[in-house]
Each structure stands twice: as C-alpha cells, then as structure tokens.
Amino acid sequence: MVVVLLGYMGSGKSKVGALLAKKLNFNFLDLDNCIEKEENATIASIFNTKGEIYFRKKEAQVLRSITASNQNLVLSLGGGTPCYSDNMKFLIENDQLITIYLSASLVTLVERLKKETQLRPLIAHLNTDTELNEFVGKHLFERTLFYNQAKQTIYTDGKTIAQVVEELNHLLA
C-alpha cells in the first residue's frame, strides 16, 4: 500500500508523513527530497538553473518511479505536484495508491509559513504578512481543485501532528 499525502506547503505533509510511516512500520519518502537526491541539487537550484518545466518533468518521472516500487510506503508530495503533468489523474486512477489531502485554512497556512519564509524558496521574496497572505490565498485557490480530487481529506486546523497521525491511522485501519 502507498499512502500519498498532498496539500499546500505548510499543511504538515512531511512531518505527518514521517510519523505516520513510523506508526504503520512503512517507509517514508518526501518527493522533493528524492528529486534533490537524484539531481544532486536543491529544488531552488533546479528551478534556477534548469527551469520549472525541467523540474516538473523530473517530478512526474520520480513520482511514477516511486509509486511503482510496490512497497509499503508513505509518500509526501510537493505542494504543486498534483497540479502538473497529469499527476493528479495518475494518482487517483492508480488503485494501489491512497491519496489523502491534508487541508489547512488560509489563516493556518499563513501562520505556519510566516515562521519559515526564508526556508522556502517559493515565498522567500515576500516581505510582509499581507504579501504572504495574498500569495498563499491565490495559490491555494488555484490548487484546491486538484487537492480536492484526493480520495480522502483530513482537516488539520487546530490539531497537533500527533492528532492528525492518529486520525490518519484510524482512517487507514
């Protein structure tokens, strides 16, 4: 079984995914980390040197390779992964995958992300809470169409990572 966590950056995919995998005794992979390892470069560097089109093609290739591995796995996607290269269609049409959208409100996402803007290349250029709010709101609006196609949705507002993991564990049991 492959559990695929998707959602906007800051929704908790990586932290929840790592703990969920440990609880299920599954392997855990973060798609962005896999791409960085394969390319021997950071995501920001790949975007800067090879461009977004190259990155999105590589992302789709690595996604398909990982999900074909036939192992018990929790996979955390990048926030934009479902929105490109027919990735969401691929994910929902594959019966071996369980897609779960970790949904957080705009307020929650902005609150989480403003503490780490410098760690996230996509938002590092934003200088004020207003800019961050507008940027995240626009992206969330555009991406929600894709995220909502997941087989399951877990709302994460007001929940700890442990609470979300327990809810996911119960859902998967």
C-alpha atoms as a PDB file:
ATOM      1  CA  MET A   1       0.000   0.000   0.000  1.00  0.00           C
ATOM      2  CA  VAL A   2       1.209   3.501  -0.826  1.00  0.00           C
ATOM      3  CA  VAL A   3      -0.275   6.378   1.163  1.00  0.00           C
ATOM      4  CA  VAL A   4       0.182   9.651  -0.713  1.00  0.00           C
ATOM      5  CA  LEU A   5      -0.106  12.877   1.279  1.00  0.00           C
ATOM      6  CA  LEU A   6      -0.834  16.029  -0.654  1.00  0.00           C
ATOM      7  CA  GLY A   7      -1.663  19.614   0.189  1.00  0.00           C
ATOM      8  CA  TYR A   8      -0.256  23.106   0.213  1.00  0.00           C
ATOM      9  CA  MET A   9       3.148  23.840   1.710  1.00  0.00           C
ATOM     10  CA  GLY A  10       2.831  24.151   5.460  1.00  0.00           C
ATOM     11  CA  SER A  11      -0.047  21.674   5.654  1.00  0.00           C
ATOM     12  CA  GLY A  12       2.168  19.180   7.502  1.00  0.00           C
ATOM     13  CA  LYS A  13       2.779  16.586   4.786  1.00  0.00           C
ATOM     14  CA  SER A  14       6.396  15.853   5.673  1.00  0.00           C
ATOM     15  CA  LYS A  15       6.078  15.902   9.446  1.00  0.00           C
ATOM     16  CA  VAL A  16       2.814  13.947   9.481  1.00  0.00           C
ATOM     17  CA  GLY A  17       4.112  11.558   6.820  1.00  0.00           C
ATOM     18  CA  ALA A  18       7.263  10.672   8.745  1.00  0.00           C
ATOM     19  CA  LEU A  19       5.317   9.947  11.940  1.00  0.00           C
ATOM     20  CA  LEU A  20       2.567   8.056  10.138  1.00  0.00           C
ATOM     21  CA  ALA A  21       5.128   5.856   8.377  1.00  0.00           C
ATOM     22  CA  LYS A  22       6.782   5.072  11.685  1.00  0.00           C
ATOM     23  CA  LYS A  23       3.420   4.177  13.248  1.00  0.00           C
ATOM     24  CA  LEU A  24       2.488   1.933  10.288  1.00  0.00           C
ATOM     25  CA  ASN A  25       6.007   0.484  10.036  1.00  0.00           C
ATOM     26  CA  PHE A  26       6.170   1.731   6.425  1.00  0.00           C
ATOM     27  CA  ASN A  27       8.983   3.505   4.627  1.00  0.00           C
ATOM     28  CA  PHE A  28       8.673   7.269   4.314  1.00  0.00           C
ATOM     29  CA  LEU A  29       9.735   9.341   1.329  1.00  0.00           C
ATOM     30  CA  ASP A  30       9.428  13.040   0.636  1.00  0.00           C
ATOM     31  CA  LEU A  31       9.170  13.540  -3.132  1.00  0.00           C
ATOM     32  CA  ASP A  32      11.156  16.792  -3.102  1.00  0.00           C
ATOM     33  CA  ASN A  33      13.980  15.097  -1.159  1.00  0.00           C
ATOM     34  CA  CYS A  34      14.009  12.246  -3.689  1.00  0.00           C
ATOM     35  CA  ILE A  35      14.285  14.713  -6.570  1.00  0.00           C
ATOM     36  CA  GLU A  36      17.085  16.600  -4.812  1.00  0.00           C
ATOM     37  CA  LYS A  37      18.981  13.354  -4.229  1.00  0.00           C
ATOM     38  CA  GLU A  38      18.565  12.203  -7.826  1.00  0.00           C
ATOM     39  CA  GLU A  39      19.580  15.599  -9.218  1.00  0.00           C
ATOM     40  CA  ASN A  40      22.248  16.235  -6.564  1.00  0.00           C
ATOM     41  CA  ALA A  41      20.842  19.750  -6.217  1.00  0.00           C
ATOM     42  CA  THR A  42      18.270  21.624  -4.163  1.00  0.00           C
ATOM     43  CA  ILE A  43      14.805  22.285  -5.552  1.00  0.00           C
ATOM     44  CA  ALA A  44      15.614  26.018  -5.630  1.00  0.00           C
ATOM     45  CA  SER A  45      18.812  25.330  -7.565  1.00  0.00           C
ATOM     46  CA  ILE A  46      16.992  23.095 -10.065  1.00  0.00           C
ATOM     47  CA  PHE A  47      14.401  25.838 -10.650  1.00  0.00           C
ATOM     48  CA  ASN A  48      17.151  28.470 -11.062  1.00  0.00           C
ATOM     49  CA  THR A  49      19.472  26.509 -13.340  1.00  0.00           C
ATOM     50  CA  LYS A  50      17.184  24.220 -15.332  1.00  0.00           C
ATOM     51  CA  GLY A  51      13.804  25.916 -15.021  1.00  0.00           C
ATOM     52  CA  GLU A  52      10.359  24.929 -13.839  1.00  0.00           C
ATOM     53  CA  ILE A  53       9.478  22.869 -16.921  1.00  0.00           C
ATOM     54  CA  TYR A  54      12.509  20.638 -16.370  1.00  0.00           C
ATOM     55  CA  PHE A  55      11.653  20.349 -12.667  1.00  0.00           C
ATOM     56  CA  ARG A  56       8.009  19.405 -13.333  1.00  0.00           C
ATOM     57  CA  LYS A  57       9.059  16.708 -15.834  1.00  0.00           C
ATOM     58  CA  LYS A  58      11.555  15.300 -13.338  1.00  0.00           C
ATOM     59  CA  GLU A  59       8.940  15.471 -10.575  1.00  0.00           C
ATOM     60  CA  ALA A  60       6.452  13.431 -12.643  1.00  0.00           C
ATOM     61  CA  GLN A  61       9.126  10.896 -13.547  1.00  0.00           C
ATOM     62  CA  VAL A  62      10.278  10.408  -9.940  1.00  0.00           C
ATOM     63  CA  LEU A  63       6.667  10.220  -8.709  1.00  0.00           C
ATOM     64  CA  ARG A  64       5.861   7.410 -11.128  1.00  0.00           C
ATOM     65  CA  SER A  65       9.082   5.581 -10.328  1.00  0.00           C
ATOM     66  CA  ILE A  66       8.498   5.708  -6.562  1.00  0.00           C
ATOM     67  CA  THR A  67       4.866   4.625  -6.743  1.00  0.00           C
ATOM     68  CA  ALA A  68       5.791   1.664  -8.966  1.00  0.00           C
ATOM     69  CA  SER A  69       8.149   0.288  -6.314  1.00  0.00           C
ATOM     70  CA  ASN A  70       5.481  -1.994  -4.820  1.00  0.00           C
ATOM     71  CA  GLN A  71       6.451  -1.343  -1.203  1.00  0.00           C
ATOM     72  CA  ASN A  72       4.531  -0.201   1.843  1.00  0.00           C
ATOM     73  CA  LEU A  73       5.197   3.496   1.766  1.00  0.00           C
ATOM     74  CA  VAL A  74       4.031   6.900   2.932  1.00  0.00           C
ATOM     75  CA  LEU A  75       4.898   9.489   0.286  1.00  0.00           C
ATOM     76  CA  SER A  76       4.746  13.231   0.865  1.00  0.00           C
ATOM     77  CA  LEU A  77       4.302  15.247  -2.335  1.00  0.00           C
ATOM     78  CA  GLY A  78       5.434  18.763  -3.069  1.00  0.00           C
ATOM     79  CA  GLY A  79       2.632  21.318  -2.831  1.00  0.00           C
ATOM     80  CA  GLY A  80       2.484  21.767  -6.607  1.00  0.00           C
ATOM     81  CA  THR A  81       2.922  18.124  -7.619  1.00  0.00           C
ATOM     82  CA  PRO A  82      -0.800  17.337  -8.095  1.00  0.00           C
ATOM     83  CA  CYS A  83      -1.229  20.369 -10.358  1.00  0.00           C
ATOM     84  CA  TYR A  84       1.192  19.431 -13.153  1.00  0.00           C
ATOM     85  CA  SER A  85       1.920  16.686 -15.703  1.00  0.00           C
ATOM     86  CA  ASP A  86      -1.414  14.931 -15.144  1.00  0.00           C
ATOM     87  CA  ASN A  87      -0.021  13.824 -11.785  1.00  0.00           C
ATOM     88  CA  MET A  88      -3.375  14.014 -10.009  1.00  0.00           C
ATOM     89  CA  LYS A  89      -5.041  11.941 -12.700  1.00  0.00           C
ATOM     90  CA  PHE A  90      -2.242   9.382 -12.394  1.00  0.00           C
ATOM     91  CA  LEU A  91      -2.626   9.281  -8.614  1.00  0.00           C
ATOM     92  CA  ILE A  92      -6.392   8.884  -8.452  1.00  0.00           C
ATOM     93  CA  GLU A  93      -6.543   6.295 -11.230  1.00  0.00           C
ATOM     94  CA  ASN A  94      -3.989   4.050  -9.530  1.00  0.00           C
ATOM     95  CA  ASP A  95      -5.817   1.588  -7.259  1.00  0.00           C
ATOM     96  CA  GLN A  96      -2.620   0.848  -5.309  1.00  0.00           C
ATOM     97  CA  LEU A  97      -2.454   4.433  -4.025  1.00  0.00           C
ATOM     98  CA  ILE A  98      -4.445   6.062  -1.254  1.00  0.00           C
ATOM     99  CA  THR A  99      -4.437   9.824  -1.788  1.00  0.00           C
ATOM    100  CA  ILE A 100      -5.070  11.984   1.266  1.00  0.00           C
ATOM    101  CA  TYR A 101      -5.370  15.760   1.198  1.00  0.00           C
ATOM    102  CA  LEU A 102      -4.084  17.430   4.352  1.00  0.00           C
ATOM    103  CA  SER A 103      -6.279  20.508   4.296  1.00  0.00           C
ATOM    104  CA  ALA A 104      -5.458  23.629   6.277  1.00  0.00           C
ATOM    105  CA  SER A 105      -7.184  27.001   6.116  1.00  0.00           C
ATOM    106  CA  LEU A 106      -5.517  30.060   4.664  1.00  0.00           C
ATOM    107  CA  VAL A 107      -5.150  31.533   8.154  1.00  0.00           C
ATOM    108  CA  THR A 108      -3.445  28.389   9.452  1.00  0.00           C
ATOM    109  CA  LEU A 109      -1.125  28.098   6.449  1.00  0.00           C
ATOM    110  CA  VAL A 110      -0.022  31.737   6.649  1.00  0.00           C
ATOM    111  CA  GLU A 111       0.558  31.422  10.396  1.00  0.00           C
ATOM    112  CA  ARG A 112       2.758  28.350   9.880  1.00  0.00           C
ATOM    113  CA  LEU A 113       4.599  29.669   6.832  1.00  0.00           C
ATOM    114  CA  LYS A 114       5.464  33.130   8.119  1.00  0.00           C
ATOM    115  CA  LYS A 115       7.838  31.486  10.612  1.00  0.00           C
ATOM    116  CA  GLU A 116       9.809  29.852   7.831  1.00  0.00           C
ATOM    117  CA  THR A 117       9.626  32.034   4.717  1.00  0.00           C
ATOM    118  CA  GLN A 118      13.411  32.068   4.342  1.00  0.00           C
ATOM    119  CA  LEU A 119      13.467  28.257   4.257  1.00  0.00           C
ATOM    120  CA  ARG A 120      11.003  28.091   1.376  1.00  0.00           C
ATOM    121  CA  PRO A 121      12.241  29.484  -1.957  1.00  0.00           C
ATOM    122  CA  LEU A 122       8.718  29.971  -3.331  1.00  0.00           C
ATOM    123  CA  ILE A 123       7.875  32.523  -0.631  1.00  0.00           C
ATOM    124  CA  ALA A 124      11.301  33.828   0.435  1.00  0.00           C
ATOM    125  CA  HIS A 125      10.798  37.020  -1.582  1.00  0.00           C
ATOM    126  CA  LEU A 126       7.660  38.003   0.337  1.00  0.00           C
ATOM    127  CA  ASN A 127       8.344  40.700   2.922  1.00  0.00           C
ATOM    128  CA  THR A 128       5.055  41.291   4.712  1.00  0.00           C
ATOM    129  CA  ASP A 129       2.228  39.241   6.177  1.00  0.00           C
ATOM    130  CA  THR A 130      -0.096  40.856   3.635  1.00  0.00           C
ATOM    131  CA  GLU A 131       2.066  39.727   0.699  1.00  0.00           C
ATOM    132  CA  LEU A 132       2.287  36.226   2.133  1.00  0.00           C
ATOM    133  CA  ASN A 133      -1.466  36.086   2.726  1.00  0.00           C
ATOM    134  CA  GLU A 134      -2.217  37.194  -0.846  1.00  0.00           C
ATOM    135  CA  PHE A 135       0.326  34.819  -2.375  1.00  0.00           C
ATOM    136  CA  VAL A 136      -0.827  31.768  -0.413  1.00  0.00           C
ATOM    137  CA  GLY A 137      -4.503  32.660  -0.937  1.00  0.00           C
ATOM    138  CA  LYS A 138      -4.055  32.853  -4.713  1.00  0.00           C
ATOM    139  CA  HIS A 139      -2.117  29.584  -4.904  1.00  0.00           C
ATOM    140  CA  LEU A 140      -4.481  27.779  -2.565  1.00  0.00           C
ATOM    141  CA  PHE A 141      -7.449  28.888  -4.667  1.00  0.00           C
ATOM    142  CA  GLU A 142      -5.755  27.598  -7.847  1.00  0.00           C
ATOM    143  CA  ARG A 143      -4.596  24.310  -6.344  1.00  0.00           C
ATOM    144  CA  THR A 144      -7.641  23.327  -4.301  1.00  0.00           C
ATOM    145  CA  LEU A 145      -9.338  21.979  -7.435  1.00  0.00           C
ATOM    146  CA  PHE A 146      -6.559  19.392  -7.666  1.00  0.00           C
ATOM    147  CA  TYR A 147      -6.266  18.715  -3.929  1.00  0.00           C
ATOM    148  CA  ASN A 148      -9.995  18.066  -3.607  1.00  0.00           C
ATOM    149  CA  GLN A 149      -9.700  15.121  -6.001  1.00  0.00           C
ATOM    150  CA  ALA A 150      -7.891  13.091  -3.335  1.00  0.00           C
ATOM    151  CA  LYS A 151      -9.723  10.005  -2.088  1.00  0.00           C
ATOM    152  CA  GLN A 152      -9.753  11.328   1.489  1.00  0.00           C
ATOM    153  CA  THR A 153      -9.396  14.703   3.196  1.00  0.00           C
ATOM    154  CA  ILE A 154      -8.125  15.373   6.694  1.00  0.00           C
ATOM    155  CA  TYR A 155      -8.619  18.849   8.137  1.00  0.00           C
ATOM    156  CA  THR A 156      -5.569  19.870  10.144  1.00  0.00           C
ATOM    157  CA  ASP A 157      -6.592  23.226  11.638  1.00  0.00           C
ATOM    158  CA  GLY A 158      -6.196  23.274  15.408  1.00  0.00           C
ATOM    159  CA  LYS A 159      -4.712  19.772  15.503  1.00  0.00           C
ATOM    160  CA  THR A 160      -1.274  18.640  16.569  1.00  0.00           C
ATOM    161  CA  ILE A 161       0.832  16.470  14.297  1.00  0.00           C
ATOM    162  CA  ALA A 162       0.124  13.527  16.627  1.00  0.00           C
ATOM    163  CA  GLN A 163      -3.633  14.114  16.380  1.00  0.00           C
ATOM    164  CA  VAL A 164      -3.510  14.181  12.574  1.00  0.00           C
ATOM    165  CA  VAL A 165      -1.428  10.986  12.565  1.00  0.00           C
ATOM    166  CA  GLU A 166      -3.964   9.263  14.837  1.00  0.00           C
ATOM    167  CA  GLU A 167      -6.807  10.364  12.583  1.00  0.00           C
ATOM    168  CA  LEU A 168      -4.959   9.041   9.533  1.00  0.00           C
ATOM    169  CA  ASN A 169      -4.127   5.780  11.296  1.00  0.00           C
ATOM    170  CA  HIS A 170      -7.788   5.293  12.160  1.00  0.00           C
ATOM    171  CA  LEU A 171      -8.815   6.136   8.580  1.00  0.00           C
ATOM    172  CA  LEU A 172      -6.396   3.580   7.153  1.00  0.00           C
ATOM    173  CA  ALA A 173      -7.244   0.781   9.603  1.00  0.00           C
END
